[in-house]
PDB file of all heavy atoms in Angstrom:
ATOM      1  N   GLU A   1     -22.184  81.480 273.725  1.00  0.00           N
ATOM      2  CA  GLU A   1     -23.158  81.794 272.666  1.00  0.00           C
ATOM      3  C   GLU A   1     -22.453  81.967 271.320  1.00  0.00           C
ATOM      4  O   GLU A   1     -22.925  81.467 270.291  1.00  0.00           O
ATOM      5  CB  GLU A   1     -23.911  83.074 273.026  1.00  0.00           C
ATOM      6  CG  GLU A   1     -24.984  83.444 272.040  1.00  0.00           C
ATOM      7  CD  GLU A   1     -25.734  84.696 272.445  1.00  0.00           C
ATOM      8  OE1 GLU A   1     -25.770  85.021 273.640  1.00  0.00           O
ATOM      9  OE2 GLU A   1     -26.279  85.355 271.545  1.00  0.00           O
ATOM     10  N   ILE A   2     -21.319  82.645 271.332  1.00  0.00           N
ATOM     11  CA  ILE A   2     -20.563  82.837 270.087  1.00  0.00           C
ATOM     12  C   ILE A   2     -20.074  81.492 269.556  1.00  0.00           C
ATOM     13  O   ILE A   2     -20.163  81.212 268.358  1.00  0.00           O
ATOM     14  CB  ILE A   2     -19.383  83.805 270.324  1.00  0.00           C
ATOM     15  CG1 ILE A   2     -19.919  85.220 270.537  1.00  0.00           C
ATOM     16  CG2 ILE A   2     -18.410  83.781 269.156  1.00  0.00           C
ATOM     17  CD1 ILE A   2     -18.880  86.205 271.031  1.00  0.00           C
ATOM     18  N   ALA A   3     -19.567  80.642 270.447  1.00  0.00           N
ATOM     19  CA  ALA A   3     -19.090  79.319 270.030  1.00  0.00           C
ATOM     20  C   ALA A   3     -20.240  78.494 269.439  1.00  0.00           C
ATOM     21  O   ALA A   3     -20.065  77.828 268.411  1.00  0.00           O
ATOM     22  CB  ALA A   3     -18.460  78.584 271.213  1.00  0.00           C
ATOM     23  N   GLU A   4     -21.405  78.559 270.061  1.00  0.00           N
ATOM     24  CA  GLU A   4     -22.563  77.817 269.547  1.00  0.00           C
ATOM     25  C   GLU A   4     -22.966  78.349 268.173  1.00  0.00           C
ATOM     26  O   GLU A   4     -23.259  77.577 267.259  1.00  0.00           O
ATOM     27  CB  GLU A   4     -23.733  77.938 270.529  1.00  0.00           C
ATOM     28  CG  GLU A   4     -24.991  77.250 270.068  1.00  0.00           C
ATOM     29  CD  GLU A   4     -24.827  75.757 269.884  1.00  0.00           C
ATOM     30  OE1 GLU A   4     -23.969  75.142 270.551  1.00  0.00           O
ATOM     31  OE2 GLU A   4     -25.551  75.182 269.043  1.00  0.00           O
ATOM     32  N   ARG A   5     -22.949  79.673 268.014  1.00  0.00           N
ATOM     33  CA  ARG A   5     -23.299  80.263 266.723  1.00  0.00           C
ATOM     34  C   ARG A   5     -22.299  79.828 265.654  1.00  0.00           C
ATOM     35  O   ARG A   5     -22.690  79.492 264.537  1.00  0.00           O
ATOM     36  CB  ARG A   5     -23.320  81.791 266.839  1.00  0.00           C
ATOM     37  CG  ARG A   5     -23.864  82.472 265.608  1.00  0.00           C
ATOM     38  CD  ARG A   5     -23.947  83.978 265.745  1.00  0.00           C
ATOM     39  NE  ARG A   5     -24.528  84.383 267.008  1.00  0.00           N
ATOM     40  CZ  ARG A   5     -24.009  85.333 267.788  1.00  0.00           C
ATOM     41  NH1 ARG A   5     -22.925  85.973 267.435  1.00  0.00           N
ATOM     42  NH2 ARG A   5     -24.594  85.659 268.916  1.00  0.00           N
ATOM     43  N   ARG A   6     -21.009  79.801 266.004  1.00  0.00           N
ATOM     44  CA  ARG A   6     -19.999  79.367 265.041  1.00  0.00           C
ATOM     45  C   ARG A   6     -20.195  77.909 264.657  1.00  0.00           C
ATOM     46  O   ARG A   6     -20.050  77.544 263.491  1.00  0.00           O
ATOM     47  CB  ARG A   6     -18.598  79.571 265.615  1.00  0.00           C
ATOM     48  CG  ARG A   6     -18.174  81.007 265.614  1.00  0.00           C
ATOM     49  CD  ARG A   6     -16.781  81.169 266.176  1.00  0.00           C
ATOM     50  NE  ARG A   6     -16.388  82.571 266.162  1.00  0.00           N
ATOM     51  CZ  ARG A   6     -15.430  83.083 266.887  1.00  0.00           C
ATOM     52  NH1 ARG A   6     -14.722  82.315 267.690  1.00  0.00           N
ATOM     53  NH2 ARG A   6     -15.154  84.358 266.823  1.00  0.00           N
ATOM     54  N   ARG A   7     -20.507  77.065 265.657  1.00  0.00           N
ATOM     55  CA  ARG A   7     -20.761  75.653 265.342  1.00  0.00           C
ATOM     56  C   ARG A   7     -21.955  75.506 264.423  1.00  0.00           C
ATOM     57  O   ARG A   7     -21.919  74.734 263.465  1.00  0.00           O
ATOM     58  CB  ARG A   7     -20.985  74.853 266.633  1.00  0.00           C
ATOM     59  CG  ARG A   7     -19.728  74.468 267.362  1.00  0.00           C
ATOM     60  CD  ARG A   7     -20.006  73.456 268.461  1.00  0.00           C
ATOM     61  NE  ARG A   7     -20.889  73.962 269.486  1.00  0.00           N
ATOM     62  CZ  ARG A   7     -20.493  74.666 270.551  1.00  0.00           C
ATOM     63  NH1 ARG A   7     -19.224  74.952 270.715  1.00  0.00           N
ATOM     64  NH2 ARG A   7     -21.361  75.068 271.447  1.00  0.00           N
ATOM     65  N   THR A   8     -23.003  76.256 264.688  1.00  0.00           N
ATOM     66  CA  THR A   8     -24.201  76.194 263.848  1.00  0.00           C
ATOM     67  C   THR A   8     -23.888  76.662 262.431  1.00  0.00           C
ATOM     68  O   THR A   8     -24.298  76.016 261.455  1.00  0.00           O
ATOM     69  CB  THR A   8     -25.314  77.072 264.458  1.00  0.00           C
ATOM     70  OG1 THR A   8     -25.597  76.609 265.774  1.00  0.00           O
ATOM     71  CG2 THR A   8     -26.568  77.027 263.612  1.00  0.00           C
ATOM     72  N   GLU A   9     -23.153  77.764 262.322  1.00  0.00           N
ATOM     73  CA  GLU A   9     -22.796  78.269 260.992  1.00  0.00           C
ATOM     74  C   GLU A   9     -21.899  77.283 260.255  1.00  0.00           C
ATOM     75  O   GLU A   9     -22.058  77.078 259.050  1.00  0.00           O
ATOM     76  CB  GLU A   9     -22.102  79.630 261.118  1.00  0.00           C
ATOM     77  CG  GLU A   9     -23.039  80.736 261.566  1.00  0.00           C
ATOM     78  CD  GLU A   9     -22.313  82.008 261.936  1.00  0.00           C
ATOM     79  OE1 GLU A   9     -21.062  82.022 261.952  1.00  0.00           O
ATOM     80  OE2 GLU A   9     -23.000  83.008 262.223  1.00  0.00           O
ATOM     81  N   GLN A  10     -20.962  76.660 260.972  1.00  0.00           N
ATOM     82  CA  GLN A  10     -20.074  75.681 260.338  1.00  0.00           C
ATOM     83  C   GLN A  10     -20.877  74.470 259.865  1.00  0.00           C
ATOM     84  O   GLN A  10     -20.652  73.953 258.774  1.00  0.00           O
ATOM     85  CB  GLN A  10     -18.979  75.237 261.312  1.00  0.00           C
ATOM     86  CG  GLN A  10     -17.959  74.300 260.689  1.00  0.00           C
ATOM     87  CD  GLN A  10     -17.204  74.963 259.550  1.00  0.00           C
ATOM     88  OE1 GLN A  10     -16.722  76.076 259.679  1.00  0.00           O
ATOM     89  NE2 GLN A  10     -17.100  74.286 258.423  1.00  0.00           N
ATOM     90  N   THR A  11     -21.831  74.034 260.675  1.00  0.00           N
ATOM     91  CA  THR A  11     -22.691  72.909 260.279  1.00  0.00           C
ATOM     92  C   THR A  11     -23.471  73.261 259.022  1.00  0.00           C
ATOM     93  O   THR A  11     -23.585  72.440 258.101  1.00  0.00           O
ATOM     94  CB  THR A  11     -23.655  72.554 261.432  1.00  0.00           C
ATOM     95  OG1 THR A  11     -22.880  72.179 262.574  1.00  0.00           O
ATOM     96  CG2 THR A  11     -24.573  71.412 261.050  1.00  0.00           C
ATOM     97  N   THR A  12     -23.982  74.475 258.970  1.00  0.00           N
ATOM     98  CA  THR A  12     -24.723  74.919 257.786  1.00  0.00           C
ATOM     99  C   THR A  12     -23.822  74.930 256.556  1.00  0.00           C
ATOM    100  O   THR A  12     -24.222  74.459 255.482  1.00  0.00           O
ATOM    101  CB  THR A  12     -25.313  76.319 258.032  1.00  0.00           C
ATOM    102  OG1 THR A  12     -26.148  76.274 259.188  1.00  0.00           O
ATOM    103  CG2 THR A  12     -26.114  76.793 256.840  1.00  0.00           C
ATOM    104  N   ARG A  13     -22.603  75.459 256.716  1.00  0.00           N
ATOM    105  CA  ARG A  13     -21.663  75.466 255.588  1.00  0.00           C
ATOM    106  C   ARG A  13     -21.309  74.050 255.156  1.00  0.00           C
ATOM    107  O   ARG A  13     -21.227  73.765 253.954  1.00  0.00           O
ATOM    108  CB  ARG A  13     -20.386  76.237 255.960  1.00  0.00           C
ATOM    109  CG  ARG A  13     -20.575  77.735 255.953  1.00  0.00           C
ATOM    110  CD  ARG A  13     -19.245  78.464 256.033  1.00  0.00           C
ATOM    111  NE  ARG A  13     -18.517  78.175 257.253  1.00  0.00           N
ATOM    112  CZ  ARG A  13     -18.630  78.837 258.397  1.00  0.00           C
ATOM    113  NH1 ARG A  13     -19.466  79.846 258.478  1.00  0.00           N
ATOM    114  NH2 ARG A  13     -17.906  78.513 259.449  1.00  0.00           N
ATOM    115  N   ASP A  14     -21.092  73.160 256.126  1.00  0.00           N
ATOM    116  CA  ASP A  14     -20.761  71.772 255.793  1.00  0.00           C
ATOM    117  C   ASP A  14     -21.904  71.104 255.028  1.00  0.00           C
ATOM    118  O   ASP A  14     -21.677  70.384 254.056  1.00  0.00           O
ATOM    119  CB  ASP A  14     -20.461  70.963 257.059  1.00  0.00           C
ATOM    120  CG  ASP A  14     -19.155  71.371 257.717  1.00  0.00           C
ATOM    121  OD1 ASP A  14     -18.365  72.113 257.084  1.00  0.00           O
ATOM    122  OD2 ASP A  14     -18.925  70.960 258.876  1.00  0.00           O
ATOM    123  N   GLN A  15     -23.135  71.350 255.474  1.00  0.00           N
ATOM    124  CA  GLN A  15     -24.290  70.767 254.778  1.00  0.00           C
ATOM    125  C   GLN A  15     -24.402  71.312 253.362  1.00  0.00           C
ATOM    126  O   GLN A  15     -24.700  70.562 252.426  1.00  0.00           O
ATOM    127  CB  GLN A  15     -25.563  71.052 255.563  1.00  0.00           C
ATOM    128  CG  GLN A  15     -25.679  70.257 256.843  1.00  0.00           C
ATOM    129  CD  GLN A  15     -26.872  70.683 257.680  1.00  0.00           C
ATOM    130  OE1 GLN A  15     -27.472  71.727 257.454  1.00  0.00           O
ATOM    131  NE2 GLN A  15     -27.204  69.865 258.672  1.00  0.00           N
ATOM    132  N   ALA A  16     -24.169  72.604 253.203  1.00  0.00           N
ATOM    133  CA  ALA A  16     -24.238  73.198 251.865  1.00  0.00           C
ATOM    134  C   ALA A  16     -23.139  72.615 250.968  1.00  0.00           C
ATOM    135  O   ALA A  16     -23.386  72.325 249.791  1.00  0.00           O
ATOM    136  CB  ALA A  16     -24.103  74.714 251.957  1.00  0.00           C
ATOM    137  N   ALA A  17     -21.951  72.436 251.520  1.00  0.00           N
ATOM    138  CA  ALA A  17     -20.844  71.860 250.735  1.00  0.00           C
ATOM    139  C   ALA A  17     -21.163  70.423 250.355  1.00  0.00           C
ATOM    140  O   ALA A  17     -20.894  70.000 249.216  1.00  0.00           O
ATOM    141  CB  ALA A  17     -19.545  71.924 251.525  1.00  0.00           C
ATOM    142  N   ARG A  18     -21.736  69.653 251.290  1.00  0.00           N
ATOM    143  CA  ARG A  18     -22.117  68.262 250.978  1.00  0.00           C
ATOM    144  C   ARG A  18     -23.165  68.228 249.874  1.00  0.00           C
ATOM    145  O   ARG A  18     -23.088  67.425 248.948  1.00  0.00           O
ATOM    146  CB  ARG A  18     -22.660  67.570 252.224  1.00  0.00           C
ATOM    147  CG  ARG A  18     -21.637  66.750 252.970  1.00  0.00           C
ATOM    148  CD  ARG A  18     -22.271  65.806 253.977  1.00  0.00           C
ATOM    149  NE  ARG A  18     -23.144  66.459 254.928  1.00  0.00           N
ATOM    150  CZ  ARG A  18     -22.735  67.101 256.015  1.00  0.00           C
ATOM    151  NH1 ARG A  18     -21.466  67.193 256.292  1.00  0.00           N
ATOM    152  NH2 ARG A  18     -23.607  67.652 256.831  1.00  0.00           N
ATOM    153  N   ALA A  19     -24.135  69.115 249.965  1.00  0.00           N
ATOM    154  CA  ALA A  19     -25.189  69.170 248.943  1.00  0.00           C
ATOM    155  C   ALA A  19     -24.595  69.541 247.585  1.00  0.00           C
ATOM    156  O   ALA A  19     -24.964  68.970 246.553  1.00  0.00           O
ATOM    157  CB  ALA A  19     -26.272  70.160 249.348  1.00  0.00           C
ATOM    158  N   ALA A  20     -23.647  70.487 247.584  1.00  0.00           N
ATOM    159  CA  ALA A  20     -23.017  70.901 246.322  1.00  0.00           C
ATOM    160  C   ALA A  20     -22.207  69.754 245.725  1.00  0.00           C
ATOM    161  O   ALA A  20     -22.252  69.528 244.503  1.00  0.00           O
ATOM    162  CB  ALA A  20     -22.122  72.116 246.563  1.00  0.00           C
ATOM    163  N   ARG A  21     -21.472  69.024 246.580  1.00  0.00           N
ATOM    164  CA  ARG A  21     -20.706  67.876 246.066  1.00  0.00           C
ATOM    165  C   ARG A  21     -21.644  66.801 245.521  1.00  0.00           C
ATOM    166  O   ARG A  21     -21.369  66.209 244.471  1.00  0.00           O
ATOM    167  CB  ARG A  21     -19.828  67.285 247.177  1.00  0.00           C
ATOM    168  CG  ARG A  21     -18.571  68.074 247.427  1.00  0.00           C
ATOM    169  CD  ARG A  21     -17.594  67.310 248.299  1.00  0.00           C
ATOM    170  NE  ARG A  21     -18.150  66.900 249.581  1.00  0.00           N
ATOM    171  CZ  ARG A  21     -18.134  67.653 250.686  1.00  0.00           C
ATOM    172  NH1 ARG A  21     -17.590  68.845 250.666  1.00  0.00           N
ATOM    173  NH2 ARG A  21     -18.651  67.194 251.809  1.00  0.00           N
ATOM    174  N   ALA A  22     -22.742  66.552 246.216  1.00  0.00           N
ATOM    175  CA  ALA A  22     -23.698  65.552 245.750  1.00  0.00           C
ATOM    176  C   ALA A  22     -24.293  65.967 244.404  1.00  0.00           C
ATOM    177  O   ALA A  22     -24.440  65.146 243.499  1.00  0.00           O
ATOM    178  CB  ALA A  22     -24.807  65.346 246.787  1.00  0.00           C
ATOM    179  N   GLU A  23     -24.619  67.245 244.279  1.00  0.00           N
ATOM    180  CA  GLU A  23     -25.174  67.744 243.024  1.00  0.00           C
ATOM    181  C   GLU A  23     -24.146  67.644 241.903  1.00  0.00           C
ATOM    182  O   GLU A  23     -24.466  67.253 240.769  1.00  0.00           O
ATOM    183  CB  GLU A  23     -25.650  69.189 243.192  1.00  0.00           C
ATOM    184  CG  GLU A  23     -26.205  69.812 241.935  1.00  0.00           C
ATOM    185  CD  GLU A  23     -27.449  69.127 241.399  1.00  0.00           C
ATOM    186  OE1 GLU A  23     -28.094  68.342 242.122  1.00  0.00           O
ATOM    187  OE2 GLU A  23     -27.767  69.349 240.222  1.00  0.00           O
ATOM    188  N   GLN A  24     -22.894  67.967 242.201  1.00  0.00           N
ATOM    189  CA  GLN A  24     -21.836  67.875 241.198  1.00  0.00           C
ATOM    190  C   GLN A  24     -21.653  66.416 240.766  1.00  0.00           C
ATOM    191  O   GLN A  24     -21.512  66.124 239.559  1.00  0.00           O
ATOM    192  CB  GLN A  24     -20.532  68.427 241.782  1.00  0.00           C
ATOM    193  CG  GLN A  24     -19.391  68.454 240.795  1.00  0.00           C
ATOM    194  CD  GLN A  24     -18.140  69.043 241.425  1.00  0.00           C
ATOM    195  OE1 GLN A  24     -18.056  69.230 242.627  1.00  0.00           O
ATOM    196  NE2 GLN A  24     -17.156  69.332 240.599  1.00  0.00           N
ATOM    197  N   THR A  25     -21.667  65.510 241.725  1.00  0.00           N
ATOM    198  CA  THR A  25     -21.540  64.086 241.402  1.00  0.00           C
ATOM    199  C   THR A  25     -22.715  63.629 240.548  1.00  0.00           C
ATOM    200  O   THR A  25     -22.543  62.891 239.577  1.00  0.00           O
ATOM    201  CB  THR A  25     -21.476  63.261 242.707  1.00  0.00           C
ATOM    202  OG1 THR A  25     -20.350  63.710 243.465  1.00  0.00           O
ATOM    203  CG2 THR A  25     -21.353  61.779 242.434  1.00  0.00           C
ATOM    204  N   ARG A  26     -23.919  64.071 240.915  1.00  0.00           N
ATOM    205  CA  ARG A  26     -25.112  63.689 240.151  1.00  0.00           C
ATOM    206  C   ARG A  26     -25.023  64.206 238.716  1.00  0.00           C
ATOM    207  O   ARG A  26     -25.293  63.476 237.763  1.00  0.00           O
ATOM    208  CB  ARG A  26     -26.365  64.246 240.831  1.00  0.00           C
ATOM    209  CG  ARG A  26     -27.671  63.779 240.190  1.00  0.00           C
ATOM    210  CD  ARG A  26     -28.860  64.577 240.680  1.00  0.00           C
ATOM    211  NE  ARG A  26     -28.821  65.960 240.230  1.00  0.00           N
ATOM    212  CZ  ARG A  26     -29.139  66.364 238.997  1.00  0.00           C
ATOM    213  NH1 ARG A  26     -29.522  65.500 238.088  1.00  0.00           N
ATOM    214  NH2 ARG A  26     -29.087  67.648 238.669  1.00  0.00           N
ATOM    215  N   ARG A  27     -24.608  65.458 238.560  1.00  0.00           N
ATOM    216  CA  ARG A  27     -24.500  66.028 237.212  1.00  0.00           C
ATOM    217  C   ARG A  27     -23.438  65.311 236.380  1.00  0.00           C
ATOM    218  O   ARG A  27     -23.640  65.063 235.187  1.00  0.00           O
ATOM    219  CB  ARG A  27     -24.154  67.520 237.289  1.00  0.00           C
ATOM    220  CG  ARG A  27     -25.319  68.352 237.732  1.00  0.00           C
ATOM    221  CD  ARG A  27     -24.974  69.806 237.759  1.00  0.00           C
ATOM    222  NE  ARG A  27     -26.112  70.569 238.253  1.00  0.00           N
ATOM    223  CZ  ARG A  27     -26.180  71.881 238.223  1.00  0.00           C
ATOM    224  NH1 ARG A  27     -25.190  72.579 237.727  1.00  0.00           N
ATOM    225  NH2 ARG A  27     -27.235  72.494 238.686  1.00  0.00           N
ATOM    226  N   ALA A  28     -22.311  64.944 237.003  1.00  0.00           N
ATOM    227  CA  ALA A  28     -21.261  64.218 236.290  1.00  0.00           C
ATOM    228  C   ALA A  28     -21.786  62.849 235.851  1.00  0.00           C
ATOM    229  O   ALA A  28     -21.518  62.399 234.728  1.00  0.00           O
ATOM    230  CB  ALA A  28     -20.026  64.067 237.165  1.00  0.00           C
ATOM    231  N   ARG A  29     -22.526  62.185 236.722  1.00  0.00           N
ATOM    232  CA  ARG A  29     -23.090  60.866 236.380  1.00  0.00           C
ATOM    233  C   ARG A  29     -24.076  60.996 235.227  1.00  0.00           C
ATOM    234  O   ARG A  29     -24.053  60.200 234.276  1.00  0.00           O
ATOM    235  CB  ARG A  29     -23.785  60.286 237.620  1.00  0.00           C
ATOM    236  CG  ARG A  29     -24.277  58.864 237.435  1.00  0.00           C
ATOM    237  CD  ARG A  29     -24.943  58.305 238.684  1.00  0.00           C
ATOM    238  NE  ARG A  29     -24.103  58.454 239.854  1.00  0.00           N
ATOM    239  CZ  ARG A  29     -24.448  59.138 240.964  1.00  0.00           C
ATOM    240  NH1 ARG A  29     -25.618  59.737 241.045  1.00  0.00           N
ATOM    241  NH2 ARG A  29     -23.622  59.212 241.979  1.00  0.00           N
ATOM    242  N   VAL A  30     -24.930  62.022 235.298  1.00  0.00           N
ATOM    243  CA  VAL A  30     -25.901  62.253 234.215  1.00  0.00           C
ATOM    244  C   VAL A  30     -25.159  62.499 232.907  1.00  0.00           C
ATOM    245  O   VAL A  30     -25.529  61.964 231.848  1.00  0.00           O
ATOM    246  CB  VAL A  30     -26.840  63.423 234.571  1.00  0.00           C
ATOM    247  CG1 VAL A  30     -27.615  63.906 233.357  1.00  0.00           C
ATOM    248  CG2 VAL A  30     -27.784  63.021 235.689  1.00  0.00           C
ATOM    249  N   GLU A  31     -24.099  63.307 232.956  1.00  0.00           N
ATOM    250  CA  GLU A  31     -23.332  63.605 231.751  1.00  0.00           C
ATOM    251  C   GLU A  31     -22.665  62.350 231.202  1.00  0.00           C
ATOM    252  O   GLU A  31     -22.649  62.127 229.983  1.00  0.00           O
ATOM    253  CB  GLU A  31     -22.290  64.688 232.058  1.00  0.00           C
ATOM    254  CG  GLU A  31     -21.452  65.098 230.866  1.00  0.00           C
ATOM    255  CD  GLU A  31     -22.258  65.719 229.735  1.00  0.00           C
ATOM    256  OE1 GLU A  31     -23.397  66.171 229.957  1.00  0.00           O
ATOM    257  OE2 GLU A  31     -21.737  65.735 228.597  1.00  0.00           O
ATOM    258  N   ARG A  32     -22.083  61.527 232.071  1.00  0.00           N
ATOM    259  CA  ARG A  32     -21.473  60.275 231.601  1.00  0.00           C
ATOM    260  C   ARG A  32     -22.512  59.370 230.961  1.00  0.00           C
ATOM    261  O   ARG A  32     -22.269  58.775 229.905  1.00  0.00           O
ATOM    262  CB  ARG A  32     -20.793  59.536 232.764  1.00  0.00           C
ATOM    263  CG  ARG A  32     -19.462  60.113 233.166  1.00  0.00           C
ATOM    264  CD  ARG A  32     -18.709  59.186 234.093  1.00  0.00           C
ATOM    265  NE  ARG A  32     -19.455  58.757 235.252  1.00  0.00           N
ATOM    266  CZ  ARG A  32     -19.507  59.417 236.420  1.00  0.00           C
ATOM    267  NH1 ARG A  32     -18.850  60.559 236.560  1.00  0.00           N
ATOM    268  NH2 ARG A  32     -20.194  58.942 237.418  1.00  0.00           N
ATOM    269  N   ARG A  33     -23.671  59.284 231.550  1.00  0.00           N
ATOM    270  CA  ARG A  33     -24.737  58.445 230.975  1.00  0.00           C
ATOM    271  C   ARG A  33     -25.200  59.005 229.637  1.00  0.00           C
ATOM    272  O   ARG A  33     -25.479  58.256 228.704  1.00  0.00           O
ATOM    273  CB  ARG A  33     -25.910  58.349 231.956  1.00  0.00           C
ATOM    274  CG  ARG A  33     -25.584  57.484 233.148  1.00  0.00           C
ATOM    275  CD  ARG A  33     -26.729  57.436 234.130  1.00  0.00           C
ATOM    276  NE  ARG A  33     -26.383  56.610 235.268  1.00  0.00           N
ATOM    277  CZ  ARG A  33     -27.062  56.577 236.391  1.00  0.00           C
ATOM    278  NH1 ARG A  33     -28.151  57.326 236.533  1.00  0.00           N
ATOM    279  NH2 ARG A  33     -26.683  55.804 237.379  1.00  0.00           N
ATOM    280  N   ARG A  34     -25.310  60.329 229.560  1.00  0.00           N
ATOM    281  CA  ARG A  34     -25.731  60.951 228.306  1.00  0.00           C
ATOM    282  C   ARG A  34     -24.720  60.658 227.199  1.00  0.00           C
ATOM    283  O   ARG A  34     -25.096  60.285 226.080  1.00  0.00           O
ATOM    284  CB  ARG A  34     -25.876  62.470 228.500  1.00  0.00           C
ATOM    285  CG  ARG A  34     -26.440  63.185 227.284  1.00  0.00           C
ATOM    286  CD  ARG A  34     -26.346  64.683 227.410  1.00  0.00           C
ATOM    287  NE  ARG A  34     -24.974  65.170 227.462  1.00  0.00           N
ATOM    288  CZ  ARG A  34     -24.158  65.273 226.402  1.00  0.00           C
ATOM    289  NH1 ARG A  34     -24.570  64.890 225.217  1.00  0.00           N
ATOM    290  NH2 ARG A  34     -22.924  65.732 226.530  1.00  0.00           N
ATOM    291  N   ARG A  35     -23.427  60.789 227.520  1.00  0.00           N
ATOM    292  CA  ARG A  35     -22.398  60.518 226.523  1.00  0.00           C
ATOM    293  C   ARG A  35     -22.379  59.041 226.124  1.00  0.00           C
ATOM    294  O   ARG A  35     -22.208  58.714 224.943  1.00  0.00           O
ATOM    295  CB  ARG A  35     -21.024  60.913 227.051  1.00  0.00           C
ATOM    296  CG  ARG A  35     -20.837  62.405 227.131  1.00  0.00           C
ATOM    297  CD  ARG A  35     -19.474  62.748 227.648  1.00  0.00           C
ATOM    298  NE  ARG A  35     -19.332  64.187 227.783  1.00  0.00           N
ATOM    299  CZ  ARG A  35     -18.282  64.788 228.278  1.00  0.00           C
ATOM    300  NH1 ARG A  35     -17.251  64.064 228.683  1.00  0.00           N
ATOM    301  NH2 ARG A  35     -18.225  66.088 228.376  1.00  0.00           N
ATOM    302  N   ALA A  36     -22.573  58.160 227.100  1.00  0.00           N
ATOM    303  CA  ALA A  36     -22.602  56.728 226.792  1.00  0.00           C
ATOM    304  C   ALA A  36     -23.780  56.410 225.878  1.00  0.00           C
ATOM    305  O   ALA A  36     -23.654  55.626 224.932  1.00  0.00           O
ATOM    306  CB  ALA A  36     -22.677  55.915 228.082  1.00  0.00           C
ATOM    307  N   ALA A  37     -24.913  57.028 226.151  1.00  0.00           N
ATOM    308  CA  ALA A  37     -26.094  56.812 225.300  1.00  0.00           C
ATOM    309  C   ALA A  37     -25.841  57.333 223.897  1.00  0.00           C
ATOM    310  O   ALA A  37     -26.225  56.702 222.898  1.00  0.00           O
ATOM    311  CB  ALA A  37     -27.317  57.480 225.919  1.00  0.00           C
TER     312      ALA A  37
END
């Protein structure tokens, strides 16, 4: 049960990190486009 809980928590952290990286990439792209414009 503890191992399953750790796997679930790790999956949640990984998903949050992926979402944060995607958001950071999106914001950088928006900023580059804004500067180019």
